[in-house]
C-alpha cells in the first residue's frame, strides 16, 4: 500500500513539477530594478497601443429629406474602422428624382499607412520586450557576461524610440484627417443631392473617436518609455564603463603628479 501511495504521489507531483520547472530559474526580483520594470511597462503599453488602434470601428451618418412628397426621409449610416481605407467604404446616396433611387459613393481618403505602421510597431515592440524580459529574468548571467547582448539591446532600444516618435506623430496627423473625412458635414458636402434645392440634408450619427484618441496617447507614452530606458540599457554596455575609465584616468594621473611634486 505504501509503495502504491508513494508512486501515486510522485505521479501527481510530476506534472506540477514540469509546469513549475521553467519558472524556477526566473529571477523575479529583477523586475524591481529599473531595467526590468520599464520593460514590463513597455510590454503593457505596446498592447494598449496596437489594441486600441487595431480594434476601432465607428459610424457616421446623415439624413436626406427630399422636397418631393413621394419619397420619405432617407437615413445614411456609414461604418468604418481599421485600417481606415475610407476610399473603399461605400454608401448609398438617395436621389430625389422619380427615375432613380440611389447612387453609390465612397468616403474620401486612404489612411492605412500610418495606422498599419503604428499597429505593426506595437506588435513588434510586444514581441521584443517579451523576449528581452525572458532573457533578462532567466539568463541574466549570460546578459551581463556577454557584452554583445547589452549592445544589441541598446541599439534596438534607440531604434524603437525613434520609430515610436515617428509612428505616434504620423498616426496623430492621420487621425486628424480621418476625423475631418468622417464628419457628418463632410458626408453631406460630398453628396450632390444636398447642394440643390430638391432636398434638405442634416447631420446624423457622429463617430466617437475616444478609443483612437487614447491610442495616440499610448503611442507617445511608448516613446517616453523607450527613450527613458535608453539610459538604463546604456549603463549595461561596455561604452558606459569606458566613459567612466576615461573620466577617472586624468584625475589619477594628476594625483600621482601632485604626489611626486610634494615629495620633491
C-alpha atoms as a PDB file:
ATOM      1  CA  UNK A   1       0.000   0.000   0.000  1.00  0.00           C
ATOM      2  CA  UNK A   2       2.794   2.412   0.899  1.00  0.00           C
ATOM      3  CA  UNK A   3       4.630   1.833  -2.387  1.00  0.00           C
ATOM      4  CA  UNK A   4       1.392   2.335  -4.301  1.00  0.00           C
ATOM      5  CA  UNK A   5       0.625   5.564  -2.440  1.00  0.00           C
ATOM      6  CA  UNK A   6       4.166   6.878  -2.945  1.00  0.00           C
ATOM      7  CA  UNK A   7       4.055   6.090  -6.650  1.00  0.00           C
ATOM      8  CA  UNK A   8       0.686   7.836  -6.896  1.00  0.00           C
ATOM      9  CA  UNK A   9       2.045  10.915  -5.140  1.00  0.00           C
ATOM     10  CA  UNK A  10       5.059  11.078  -7.433  1.00  0.00           C
ATOM     11  CA  UNK A  11       2.753  10.712 -10.422  1.00  0.00           C
ATOM     12  CA  UNK A  12       0.637  13.596  -9.115  1.00  0.00           C
ATOM     13  CA  UNK A  13       3.645  15.800  -8.453  1.00  0.00           C
ATOM     14  CA  UNK A  14       5.429  15.169 -11.740  1.00  0.00           C
ATOM     15  CA  UNK A  15       3.056  17.208 -13.963  1.00  0.00           C
ATOM     16  CA  UNK A  16       3.113  20.052 -11.457  1.00  0.00           C
ATOM     17  CA  UNK A  17       6.880  19.941 -11.265  1.00  0.00           C
ATOM     18  CA  UNK A  18       7.073  20.002 -15.048  1.00  0.00           C
ATOM     19  CA  UNK A  19       4.951  23.134 -15.120  1.00  0.00           C
ATOM     20  CA  UNK A  20       6.863  24.872 -12.323  1.00  0.00           C
ATOM     21  CA  UNK A  21      10.306  23.881 -13.555  1.00  0.00           C
ATOM     22  CA  UNK A  22      10.622  26.648 -16.235  1.00  0.00           C
ATOM     23  CA  UNK A  23       9.561  29.239 -13.643  1.00  0.00           C
ATOM     24  CA  UNK A  24      12.146  28.212 -11.053  1.00  0.00           C
ATOM     25  CA  UNK A  25      15.055  29.868 -12.853  1.00  0.00           C
ATOM     26  CA  UNK A  26      13.265  33.193 -13.305  1.00  0.00           C
ATOM     27  CA  UNK A  27      14.662  35.882 -11.042  1.00  0.00           C
ATOM     28  CA  UNK A  28      11.545  37.910 -10.364  1.00  0.00           C
ATOM     29  CA  UNK A  29      13.410  40.414  -8.194  1.00  0.00           C
ATOM     30  CA  UNK A  30      14.908  41.771 -11.425  1.00  0.00           C
ATOM     31  CA  UNK A  31      11.521  43.366 -12.096  1.00  0.00           C
ATOM     32  CA  UNK A  32      12.141  45.687  -9.155  1.00  0.00           C
ATOM     33  CA  UNK A  33      15.146  47.142 -10.970  1.00  0.00           C
ATOM     34  CA  UNK A  34      14.559  49.988 -13.461  1.00  0.00           C
ATOM     35  CA  UNK A  35      15.647  47.925 -16.467  1.00  0.00           C
ATOM     36  CA  UNK A  36      13.182  45.127 -15.751  1.00  0.00           C
ATOM     37  CA  UNK A  37      10.332  47.338 -14.534  1.00  0.00           C
ATOM     38  CA  UNK A  38      10.429  49.593 -17.604  1.00  0.00           C
ATOM     39  CA  UNK A  39      10.430  46.571 -19.906  1.00  0.00           C
ATOM     40  CA  UNK A  40       7.220  45.391 -18.252  1.00  0.00           C
ATOM     41  CA  UNK A  41       5.683  48.820 -18.848  1.00  0.00           C
ATOM     42  CA  UNK A  42       6.845  48.716 -22.470  1.00  0.00           C
ATOM     43  CA  UNK A  43       5.219  45.322 -22.901  1.00  0.00           C
ATOM     44  CA  UNK A  44       1.910  46.504 -21.425  1.00  0.00           C
ATOM     45  CA  UNK A  45       1.678  49.823 -23.265  1.00  0.00           C
ATOM     46  CA  UNK A  46       2.575  48.152 -26.562  1.00  0.00           C
ATOM     47  CA  UNK A  47      -0.555  46.014 -26.108  1.00  0.00           C
ATOM     48  CA  UNK A  48      -2.610  49.095 -25.259  1.00  0.00           C
ATOM     49  CA  UNK A  49      -1.303  50.962 -28.322  1.00  0.00           C
ATOM     50  CA  UNK A  50      -1.929  48.412 -31.062  1.00  0.00           C
ATOM     51  CA  UNK A  51      -5.059  47.071 -29.367  1.00  0.00           C
ATOM     52  CA  UNK A  52      -6.807  50.448 -29.121  1.00  0.00           C
ATOM     53  CA  UNK A  53      -5.962  51.353 -32.724  1.00  0.00           C
ATOM     54  CA  UNK A  54      -6.462  47.990 -34.396  1.00  0.00           C
ATOM     55  CA  UNK A  55      -9.811  47.247 -32.770  1.00  0.00           C
ATOM     56  CA  UNK A  56     -11.501  50.563 -33.570  1.00  0.00           C
ATOM     57  CA  UNK A  57     -14.728  50.806 -35.557  1.00  0.00           C
ATOM     58  CA  UNK A  58     -17.054  53.784 -35.854  1.00  0.00           C
ATOM     59  CA  UNK A  59     -20.108  55.087 -37.668  1.00  0.00           C
ATOM     60  CA  UNK A  60     -21.006  58.343 -39.319  1.00  0.00           C
ATOM     61  CA  UNK A  61     -24.244  59.340 -40.945  1.00  0.00           C
ATOM     62  CA  UNK A  62     -26.617  61.918 -42.350  1.00  0.00           C
ATOM     63  CA  UNK A  63     -30.294  62.285 -43.237  1.00  0.00           C
ATOM     64  CA  UNK A  64     -31.706  63.389 -46.579  1.00  0.00           C
ATOM     65  CA  UNK A  65     -35.256  64.672 -46.857  1.00  0.00           C
ATOM     66  CA  UNK A  66     -36.479  65.196 -50.385  1.00  0.00           C
ATOM     67  CA  UNK A  67     -38.865  68.008 -51.094  1.00  0.00           C
ATOM     68  CA  UNK A  68     -40.759  65.542 -53.239  1.00  0.00           C
ATOM     69  CA  UNK A  69     -43.591  64.202 -51.138  1.00  0.00           C
ATOM     70  CA  UNK A  70     -43.446  60.869 -52.907  1.00  0.00           C
ATOM     71  CA  UNK A  71     -40.168  59.977 -51.164  1.00  0.00           C
ATOM     72  CA  UNK A  72     -39.620  59.575 -47.453  1.00  0.00           C
ATOM     73  CA  UNK A  73     -36.704  60.744 -45.332  1.00  0.00           C
ATOM     74  CA  UNK A  74     -33.597  58.665 -46.034  1.00  0.00           C
ATOM     75  CA  UNK A  75     -31.074  57.883 -43.319  1.00  0.00           C
ATOM     76  CA  UNK A  76     -27.487  57.166 -44.298  1.00  0.00           C
ATOM     77  CA  UNK A  77     -25.272  55.200 -41.921  1.00  0.00           C
ATOM     78  CA  UNK A  78     -21.660  54.514 -42.879  1.00  0.00           C
ATOM     79  CA  UNK A  79     -19.442  52.138 -40.876  1.00  0.00           C
ATOM     80  CA  UNK A  80     -15.645  52.370 -40.994  1.00  0.00           C
ATOM     81  CA  UNK A  81     -12.654  51.172 -38.975  1.00  0.00           C
ATOM     82  CA  UNK A  82      -9.089  49.915 -39.032  1.00  0.00           C
ATOM     83  CA  UNK A  83      -7.103  50.023 -41.343  1.00  0.00           C
ATOM     84  CA  UNK A  84      -9.017  53.184 -42.374  1.00  0.00           C
ATOM     85  CA  UNK A  85      -9.107  52.712 -46.133  1.00  0.00           C
ATOM     86  CA  UNK A  86     -12.004  55.106 -46.358  1.00  0.00           C
ATOM     87  CA  UNK A  87     -11.946  55.263 -50.157  1.00  0.00           C
ATOM     88  CA  UNK A  88     -13.160  51.652 -50.159  1.00  0.00           C
ATOM     89  CA  UNK A  89     -16.107  52.310 -47.843  1.00  0.00           C
ATOM     90  CA  UNK A  90     -19.332  52.559 -49.832  1.00  0.00           C
ATOM     91  CA  UNK A  91     -22.638  54.171 -49.020  1.00  0.00           C
ATOM     92  CA  UNK A  92     -25.817  54.889 -50.959  1.00  0.00           C
ATOM     93  CA  UNK A  93     -26.799  58.485 -51.667  1.00  0.00           C
ATOM     94  CA  UNK A  94     -30.578  58.813 -52.177  1.00  0.00           C
ATOM     95  CA  UNK A  95     -31.788  60.681 -55.233  1.00  0.00           C
ATOM     96  CA  UNK A  96     -34.890  62.796 -55.273  1.00  0.00           C
ATOM     97  CA  UNK A  97     -35.631  62.163 -58.955  1.00  0.00           C
ATOM     98  CA  UNK A  98     -38.538  59.964 -59.835  1.00  0.00           C
ATOM     99  CA  UNK A  99     -36.457  57.921 -62.300  1.00  0.00           C
ATOM    100  CA  UNK A 100     -33.688  56.748 -59.938  1.00  0.00           C
ATOM    101  CA  UNK A 101     -33.497  55.758 -56.282  1.00  0.00           C
ATOM    102  CA  UNK A 102     -29.852  55.962 -55.174  1.00  0.00           C
ATOM    103  CA  UNK A 103     -26.238  56.356 -56.241  1.00  0.00           C
ATOM    104  CA  UNK A 104     -23.151  54.633 -54.802  1.00  0.00           C
ATOM    105  CA  UNK A 105     -20.499  56.904 -53.312  1.00  0.00           C
ATOM    106  CA  UNK A 106     -17.292  56.391 -51.325  1.00  0.00           C
ATOM    107  CA  UNK A 107     -15.683  58.138 -48.395  1.00  0.00           C
ATOM    108  CA  UNK A 108     -12.603  60.216 -49.112  1.00  0.00           C
ATOM    109  CA  UNK A 109      -9.021  59.280 -48.248  1.00  0.00           C
ATOM    110  CA  UNK A 110      -6.770  56.312 -47.522  1.00  0.00           C
ATOM    111  CA  UNK A 111      -5.110  56.488 -44.101  1.00  0.00           C
ATOM    112  CA  UNK A 112      -3.977  52.887 -43.843  1.00  0.00           C
ATOM    113  CA  UNK A 113      -0.232  53.684 -43.992  1.00  0.00           C
ATOM    114  CA  UNK A 114       0.122  55.491 -40.622  1.00  0.00           C
ATOM    115  CA  UNK A 115      -2.439  53.216 -38.941  1.00  0.00           C
ATOM    116  CA  UNK A 116      -0.794  49.975 -40.075  1.00  0.00           C
ATOM    117  CA  UNK A 117       2.692  51.281 -39.260  1.00  0.00           C
ATOM    118  CA  UNK A 118       1.512  52.195 -35.757  1.00  0.00           C
ATOM    119  CA  UNK A 119      -0.088  48.791 -35.147  1.00  0.00           C
ATOM    120  CA  UNK A 120       2.852  46.867 -36.655  1.00  0.00           C
ATOM    121  CA  UNK A 121       5.320  48.753 -34.468  1.00  0.00           C
ATOM    122  CA  UNK A 122       3.227  47.945 -31.407  1.00  0.00           C
ATOM    123  CA  UNK A 123       3.215  44.241 -32.274  1.00  0.00           C
ATOM    124  CA  UNK A 124       6.984  44.169 -32.826  1.00  0.00           C
ATOM    125  CA  UNK A 125       7.518  46.035 -29.539  1.00  0.00           C
ATOM    126  CA  UNK A 126       5.327  43.497 -27.767  1.00  0.00           C
ATOM    127  CA  UNK A 127       7.329  40.513 -29.024  1.00  0.00           C
ATOM    128  CA  UNK A 128      10.725  42.144 -28.496  1.00  0.00           C
ATOM    129  CA  UNK A 129      10.045  43.215 -24.908  1.00  0.00           C
ATOM    130  CA  UNK A 130       8.667  39.767 -24.121  1.00  0.00           C
ATOM    131  CA  UNK A 131      11.840  38.118 -25.471  1.00  0.00           C
ATOM    132  CA  UNK A 132      14.022  40.666 -23.662  1.00  0.00           C
ATOM    133  CA  UNK A 133      12.214  40.004 -20.390  1.00  0.00           C
ATOM    134  CA  UNK A 134      12.796  36.254 -20.729  1.00  0.00           C
ATOM    135  CA  UNK A 135      16.476  36.870 -21.416  1.00  0.00           C
ATOM    136  CA  UNK A 136      16.786  39.348 -18.565  1.00  0.00           C
ATOM    137  CA  UNK A 137      14.940  37.237 -15.980  1.00  0.00           C
ATOM    138  CA  UNK A 138      16.036  33.729 -16.948  1.00  0.00           C
ATOM    139  CA  UNK A 139      19.503  34.261 -18.453  1.00  0.00           C
ATOM    140  CA  UNK A 140      20.692  37.401 -16.670  1.00  0.00           C
ATOM    141  CA  UNK A 141      24.190  35.989 -16.174  1.00  0.00           C
ATOM    142  CA  UNK A 142      24.512  35.492 -19.918  1.00  0.00           C
ATOM    143  CA  UNK A 143      23.186  39.033 -20.443  1.00  0.00           C
ATOM    144  CA  UNK A 144      25.844  40.553 -18.175  1.00  0.00           C
ATOM    145  CA  UNK A 145      28.801  38.368 -19.214  1.00  0.00           C
ATOM    146  CA  UNK A 146      28.275  38.543 -22.988  1.00  0.00           C
ATOM    147  CA  UNK A 147      28.704  42.201 -23.869  1.00  0.00           C
ATOM    148  CA  UNK A 148      27.025  41.752 -27.244  1.00  0.00           C
ATOM    149  CA  UNK A 149      23.575  41.382 -25.724  1.00  0.00           C
ATOM    150  CA  UNK A 150      23.572  44.805 -23.992  1.00  0.00           C
ATOM    151  CA  UNK A 151      24.935  46.420 -27.158  1.00  0.00           C
ATOM    152  CA  UNK A 152      22.211  44.865 -29.302  1.00  0.00           C
ATOM    153  CA  UNK A 153      19.616  45.773 -26.705  1.00  0.00           C
ATOM    154  CA  UNK A 154      20.805  49.377 -26.676  1.00  0.00           C
ATOM    155  CA  UNK A 155      20.761  49.701 -30.475  1.00  0.00           C
ATOM    156  CA  UNK A 156      17.296  48.166 -30.695  1.00  0.00           C
ATOM    157  CA  UNK A 157      16.035  50.404 -27.888  1.00  0.00           C
ATOM    158  CA  UNK A 158      17.286  53.533 -29.652  1.00  0.00           C
ATOM    159  CA  UNK A 159      15.670  52.354 -32.904  1.00  0.00           C
ATOM    160  CA  UNK A 160      12.321  51.699 -31.230  1.00  0.00           C
ATOM    161  CA  UNK A 161      12.498  55.123 -29.570  1.00  0.00           C
ATOM    162  CA  UNK A 162      12.848  56.814 -32.951  1.00  0.00           C
ATOM    163  CA  UNK A 163      10.165  54.669 -34.579  1.00  0.00           C
ATOM    164  CA  UNK A 164       7.667  55.321 -31.766  1.00  0.00           C
ATOM    165  CA  UNK A 165       8.148  59.074 -32.151  1.00  0.00           C
ATOM    166  CA  UNK A 166       7.578  58.859 -35.907  1.00  0.00           C
ATOM    167  CA  UNK A 167       4.643  56.449 -35.584  1.00  0.00           C
ATOM    168  CA  UNK A 168       2.854  58.449 -32.874  1.00  0.00           C
ATOM    169  CA  UNK A 169       3.258  61.734 -34.764  1.00  0.00           C
ATOM    170  CA  UNK A 170       2.203  60.236 -38.108  1.00  0.00           C
ATOM    171  CA  UNK A 171      -0.778  58.448 -36.588  1.00  0.00           C
ATOM    172  CA  UNK A 172      -1.836  61.635 -34.783  1.00  0.00           C
ATOM    173  CA  UNK A 173      -1.794  63.524 -38.094  1.00  0.00           C
ATOM    174  CA  UNK A 174      -3.629  60.693 -39.844  1.00  0.00           C
ATOM    175  CA  UNK A 175      -6.268  60.614 -37.114  1.00  0.00           C
ATOM    176  CA  UNK A 176      -6.887  64.335 -37.558  1.00  0.00           C
ATOM    177  CA  UNK A 177      -7.509  63.755 -41.272  1.00  0.00           C
ATOM    178  CA  UNK A 178      -9.787  60.792 -40.515  1.00  0.00           C
ATOM    179  CA  UNK A 179     -11.887  62.961 -38.213  1.00  0.00           C
ATOM    180  CA  UNK A 180     -12.249  65.541 -40.968  1.00  0.00           C
ATOM    181  CA  UNK A 181     -13.198  62.943 -43.577  1.00  0.00           C
ATOM    182  CA  UNK A 182     -15.784  61.186 -41.409  1.00  0.00           C
ATOM    183  CA  UNK A 183     -17.615  64.192 -40.016  1.00  0.00           C
ATOM    184  CA  UNK A 184     -21.323  64.260 -40.950  1.00  0.00           C
ATOM    185  CA  UNK A 185     -20.751  67.686 -42.525  1.00  0.00           C
ATOM    186  CA  UNK A 186     -18.115  66.153 -44.824  1.00  0.00           C
ATOM    187  CA  UNK A 187     -20.581  63.432 -45.720  1.00  0.00           C
ATOM    188  CA  UNK A 188     -23.294  65.894 -46.717  1.00  0.00           C
ATOM    189  CA  UNK A 189     -20.768  68.068 -48.568  1.00  0.00           C
ATOM    190  CA  UNK A 190     -19.800  65.116 -50.767  1.00  0.00           C
ATOM    191  CA  UNK A 191     -23.418  64.378 -51.799  1.00  0.00           C
ATOM    192  CA  UNK A 192     -24.590  66.340 -54.811  1.00  0.00           C
ATOM    193  CA  UNK A 193     -28.216  65.960 -53.790  1.00  0.00           C
ATOM    194  CA  UNK A 194     -27.537  68.221 -50.807  1.00  0.00           C
ATOM    195  CA  UNK A 195     -26.269  71.103 -52.969  1.00  0.00           C
ATOM    196  CA  UNK A 196     -29.569  71.835 -54.697  1.00  0.00           C
ATOM    197  CA  UNK A 197     -32.992  72.878 -53.562  1.00  0.00           C
ATOM    198  CA  UNK A 198     -34.522  69.489 -54.154  1.00  0.00           C
ATOM    199  CA  UNK A 199     -33.520  68.098 -50.764  1.00  0.00           C
ATOM    200  CA  UNK A 200     -32.657  69.148 -47.224  1.00  0.00           C
ATOM    201  CA  UNK A 201     -29.697  67.365 -45.616  1.00  0.00           C
ATOM    202  CA  UNK A 202     -28.834  67.281 -41.944  1.00  0.00           C
ATOM    203  CA  UNK A 203     -26.122  65.685 -39.821  1.00  0.00           C
ATOM    204  CA  UNK A 204     -26.703  62.202 -38.479  1.00  0.00           C
ATOM    205  CA  UNK A 205     -24.583  59.954 -36.277  1.00  0.00           C
ATOM    206  CA  UNK A 206     -21.259  61.458 -35.176  1.00  0.00           C
ATOM    207  CA  UNK A 207     -18.396  58.956 -34.824  1.00  0.00           C
ATOM    208  CA  UNK A 208     -16.923  58.506 -31.360  1.00  0.00           C
ATOM    209  CA  UNK A 209     -13.139  58.818 -31.551  1.00  0.00           C
ATOM    210  CA  UNK A 210     -12.290  58.266 -27.898  1.00  0.00           C
ATOM    211  CA  UNK A 211     -10.535  54.925 -28.417  1.00  0.00           C
ATOM    212  CA  UNK A 212      -8.260  56.114 -31.221  1.00  0.00           C
ATOM    213  CA  UNK A 213      -7.506  59.328 -29.324  1.00  0.00           C
ATOM    214  CA  UNK A 214      -6.224  57.165 -26.486  1.00  0.00           C
ATOM    215  CA  UNK A 215      -4.138  55.150 -28.959  1.00  0.00           C
ATOM    216  CA  UNK A 216      -2.217  58.301 -29.927  1.00  0.00           C
ATOM    217  CA  UNK A 217      -1.601  58.976 -26.239  1.00  0.00           C
ATOM    218  CA  UNK A 218      -0.342  55.416 -25.790  1.00  0.00           C
ATOM    219  CA  UNK A 219       1.993  55.966 -28.732  1.00  0.00           C
ATOM    220  CA  UNK A 220       3.682  58.943 -27.099  1.00  0.00           C
ATOM    221  CA  UNK A 221       3.813  57.112 -23.752  1.00  0.00           C
ATOM    222  CA  UNK A 222       5.672  54.311 -25.519  1.00  0.00           C
ATOM    223  CA  UNK A 223       8.082  56.869 -26.943  1.00  0.00           C
ATOM    224  CA  UNK A 224       8.881  58.266 -23.496  1.00  0.00           C
ATOM    225  CA  UNK A 225       9.246  54.759 -22.034  1.00  0.00           C
ATOM    226  CA  UNK A 226      11.703  53.676 -24.703  1.00  0.00           C
ATOM    227  CA  UNK A 227      13.583  56.985 -24.514  1.00  0.00           C
ATOM    228  CA  UNK A 228      13.907  56.703 -20.745  1.00  0.00           C
ATOM    229  CA  UNK A 229      15.037  53.099 -20.993  1.00  0.00           C
ATOM    230  CA  UNK A 230      17.937  54.078 -23.271  1.00  0.00           C
ATOM    231  CA  UNK A 231      19.924  55.310 -20.270  1.00  0.00           C
ATOM    232  CA  UNK A 232      19.420  52.160 -18.212  1.00  0.00           C
ATOM    233  CA  UNK A 233      20.339  49.919 -21.143  1.00  0.00           C
ATOM    234  CA  UNK A 234      23.354  52.104 -21.908  1.00  0.00           C
ATOM    235  CA  UNK A 235      24.644  51.540 -18.366  1.00  0.00           C
ATOM    236  CA  UNK A 236      24.835  47.797 -19.133  1.00  0.00           C
ATOM    237  CA  UNK A 237      27.013  48.301 -22.222  1.00  0.00           C
ATOM    238  CA  UNK A 238      30.847  48.425 -22.269  1.00  0.00           C
ATOM    239  CA  UNK A 239      30.609  52.004 -23.554  1.00  0.00           C
ATOM    240  CA  UNK A 240      29.443  53.189 -20.150  1.00  0.00           C
ATOM    241  CA  UNK A 241      32.440  51.551 -18.434  1.00  0.00           C
ATOM    242  CA  UNK A 242      34.862  53.051 -20.947  1.00  0.00           C
ATOM    243  CA  UNK A 243      33.496  56.552 -20.390  1.00  0.00           C
ATOM    244  CA  UNK A 244      33.928  56.152 -16.626  1.00  0.00           C
ATOM    245  CA  UNK A 245      37.501  54.886 -17.039  1.00  0.00           C
ATOM    246  CA  UNK A 246      38.373  57.820 -19.290  1.00  0.00           C
ATOM    247  CA  UNK A 247      36.918  60.213 -16.742  1.00  0.00           C
ATOM    248  CA  UNK A 248      38.914  58.696 -13.895  1.00  0.00           C
ATOM    249  CA  UNK A 249      42.173  58.445 -15.865  1.00  0.00           C
ATOM    250  CA  UNK A 250      43.222  62.134 -15.877  1.00  0.00           C
ATOM    251  CA  UNK A 251      42.306  62.573 -12.212  1.00  0.00           C
ATOM    252  CA  UNK A 252      44.532  59.640 -11.213  1.00  0.00           C
ATOM    253  CA  UNK A 253      47.427  60.961 -13.308  1.00  0.00           C
ATOM    254  CA  UNK A 254      47.114  64.427 -11.798  1.00  0.00           C
ATOM    255  CA  UNK A 255      47.047  62.894  -8.312  1.00  0.00           C
ATOM    256  CA  UNK A 256      50.274  60.956  -8.937  1.00  0.00           C
ATOM    257  CA  UNK A 257      51.966  64.053 -10.381  1.00  0.00           C
ATOM    258  CA  UNK A 258      50.911  66.109  -7.387  1.00  0.00           C
ATOM    259  CA  UNK A 259      52.284  63.466  -5.038  1.00  0.00           C
ATOM    260  CA  UNK A 260      55.609  63.446  -6.868  1.00  0.00           C
ATOM    261  CA  UNK A 261      55.861  67.215  -6.593  1.00  0.00           C
ATOM    262  CA  UNK A 262      55.166  67.115  -2.869  1.00  0.00           C
ATOM    263  CA  UNK A 263      57.911  64.541  -2.342  1.00  0.00           C
ATOM    264  CA  UNK A 264      60.418  66.757  -4.113  1.00  0.00           C
END
